[in-house]
């Protein structure tokens, strides 16, 4: 009889640890807290229900990083530099844009003056 009691307690502890460490998305039918209460109040039946109905199989409840072997590419490796990352603040970007707009405006004004001076010089020469 003591062996059966120890087995039930161990089953209950394993079920509780599994419930607690399992992600919420892998718990079916009831919230985790309800499963914990069921397993505590009815250790043998609750643990059986948990392992039979309550958990989703296919992944471990404990989220540990898995070690995977890196796949080696079969062909040539394309090593392109990463695109540049702009680390300026929004205010700095806006100030740079304002300066650029002003520079283009001044260039257009300068080009217009050159055309006007060139037209005036050719008009007076004829």
Protein backbone atom coordinates (compact mmCIF):
# COMPACT_ATOMS: atom_id res chain seq x y z
CA UNK A 1 0.00 0.00 0.00
CA UNK A 2 2.75 2.58 0.71
CA UNK A 3 4.15 1.97 -2.77
CA UNK A 4 0.82 2.98 -4.34
CA UNK A 5 0.67 6.14 -2.22
CA UNK A 6 4.21 7.11 -3.21
CA UNK A 7 3.39 6.43 -6.87
CA UNK A 8 0.29 8.68 -6.69
CA UNK A 9 2.24 11.49 -5.00
CA UNK A 10 5.04 11.25 -7.59
CA UNK A 11 2.46 11.26 -10.42
CA UNK A 12 0.79 14.32 -8.89
CA UNK A 13 4.12 16.17 -8.55
CA UNK A 14 5.10 15.35 -12.13
CA UNK A 15 1.69 16.54 -13.36
CA UNK A 16 1.93 19.79 -11.35
CA UNK A 17 5.43 20.52 -12.62
CA UNK A 18 4.27 19.83 -16.18
CA UNK A 19 1.25 22.11 -15.80
CA UNK A 20 3.26 24.95 -14.28
CA UNK A 21 6.10 24.82 -16.81
CA UNK A 22 3.86 24.35 -19.85
CA UNK A 23 3.09 27.36 -22.03
CA UNK A 24 -0.53 28.59 -21.85
CA UNK A 25 -1.00 27.86 -25.56
CA UNK A 26 -0.30 24.17 -24.91
CA UNK A 27 -2.99 23.78 -22.21
CA UNK A 28 -6.31 22.49 -23.51
CA UNK A 29 -9.92 22.73 -22.28
CA UNK A 30 -9.31 24.55 -18.96
CA UNK A 31 -7.03 27.31 -17.63
CA UNK A 32 -3.80 26.25 -15.94
CA UNK A 33 -5.01 27.26 -12.48
CA UNK A 34 -8.07 25.01 -12.78
CA UNK A 35 -5.87 22.08 -13.84
CA UNK A 36 -3.63 22.69 -10.82
CA UNK A 37 -6.63 22.65 -8.47
CA UNK A 38 -8.00 19.45 -10.05
CA UNK A 39 -4.65 17.68 -9.73
CA UNK A 40 -4.26 18.77 -6.10
CA UNK A 41 -7.81 17.82 -5.05
CA UNK A 42 -7.98 14.56 -7.05
CA UNK A 43 -4.34 13.46 -7.45
CA UNK A 44 -4.86 10.17 -9.32
CA UNK A 45 -7.86 11.15 -11.44
CA UNK A 46 -6.64 14.74 -11.97
CA UNK A 47 -3.19 13.62 -13.10
CA UNK A 48 -4.74 11.07 -15.44
CA UNK A 49 -7.07 13.69 -16.89
CA UNK A 50 -4.20 16.14 -17.29
CA UNK A 51 -2.00 13.71 -19.20
CA UNK A 52 -4.95 12.37 -21.17
CA UNK A 53 -6.92 15.50 -22.01
CA UNK A 54 -5.35 18.64 -20.64
CA UNK A 55 -2.00 18.96 -22.34
CA UNK A 56 -1.05 19.29 -25.94
CA UNK A 57 1.62 16.88 -27.04
CA UNK A 58 4.25 17.75 -29.60
CA UNK A 59 6.60 19.96 -27.62
CA UNK A 60 8.11 20.10 -24.21
CA UNK A 61 6.46 22.41 -21.70
CA UNK A 62 9.85 23.61 -20.55
CA UNK A 63 11.12 26.20 -22.96
CA UNK A 64 14.81 25.52 -23.29
CA UNK A 65 16.76 26.64 -26.31
CA UNK A 66 17.38 23.72 -28.60
CA UNK A 67 20.80 23.14 -30.04
CA UNK A 68 20.58 22.74 -33.78
CA UNK A 69 23.33 22.02 -36.16
CA UNK A 70 23.82 24.85 -38.59
CA UNK A 71 22.94 23.83 -42.11
CA UNK A 72 25.87 24.21 -44.41
CA UNK A 73 25.08 25.81 -47.73
CA UNK A 74 25.78 23.59 -50.70
CA UNK A 75 26.58 26.41 -53.13
CA UNK A 76 28.57 29.62 -52.96
CA UNK A 77 27.75 31.87 -50.05
CA UNK A 78 26.40 35.31 -50.92
CA UNK A 79 28.15 37.71 -48.56
CA UNK A 80 26.58 41.11 -49.02
CA UNK A 81 27.08 43.90 -46.54
CA UNK A 82 24.06 44.73 -44.46
CA UNK A 83 22.16 47.84 -45.51
CA UNK A 84 23.19 50.94 -43.58
CA UNK A 85 21.19 51.75 -40.50
CA UNK A 86 20.29 55.37 -39.89
CA UNK A 87 21.03 56.15 -36.27
CA UNK A 88 19.96 59.78 -36.38
CA UNK A 89 17.00 60.97 -34.37
CA UNK A 90 13.88 62.25 -36.11
CA UNK A 91 14.84 65.81 -35.27
CA UNK A 92 18.27 65.33 -36.84
CA UNK A 93 16.72 63.84 -39.96
CA UNK A 94 14.27 66.74 -40.23
CA UNK A 95 17.10 69.26 -39.83
CA UNK A 96 19.11 67.47 -42.55
CA UNK A 97 16.09 67.54 -44.86
CA UNK A 98 15.56 71.25 -44.20
CA UNK A 99 19.22 71.93 -45.06
CA UNK A 100 18.92 69.85 -48.22
CA UNK A 101 15.75 71.69 -49.29
CA UNK A 102 17.46 75.04 -48.68
CA UNK A 103 20.50 73.89 -50.67
CA UNK A 104 18.31 72.92 -53.65
CA UNK A 105 16.44 76.22 -53.44
CA UNK A 106 19.74 78.14 -53.46
CA UNK A 107 21.04 76.08 -56.42
CA UNK A 108 17.87 76.82 -58.40
CA UNK A 109 18.18 80.50 -57.57
CA UNK A 110 21.85 80.51 -58.61
CA UNK A 111 21.02 78.71 -61.87
CA UNK A 112 18.23 81.23 -62.55
CA UNK A 113 20.63 84.15 -61.98
CA UNK A 114 23.20 82.61 -64.34
CA UNK A 115 20.54 82.23 -67.03
CA UNK A 116 19.37 85.80 -66.48
CA UNK A 117 22.96 87.14 -66.65
CA UNK A 118 23.71 85.02 -69.71
CA UNK A 119 20.53 86.19 -71.44
CA UNK A 120 21.22 89.82 -70.55
CA UNK A 121 24.83 89.59 -71.79
CA UNK A 122 23.82 88.00 -75.12
CA UNK A 123 20.90 90.44 -75.50
CA UNK A 124 23.15 93.49 -75.05
CA UNK A 125 25.80 92.10 -77.42
CA UNK A 126 23.40 91.83 -80.32
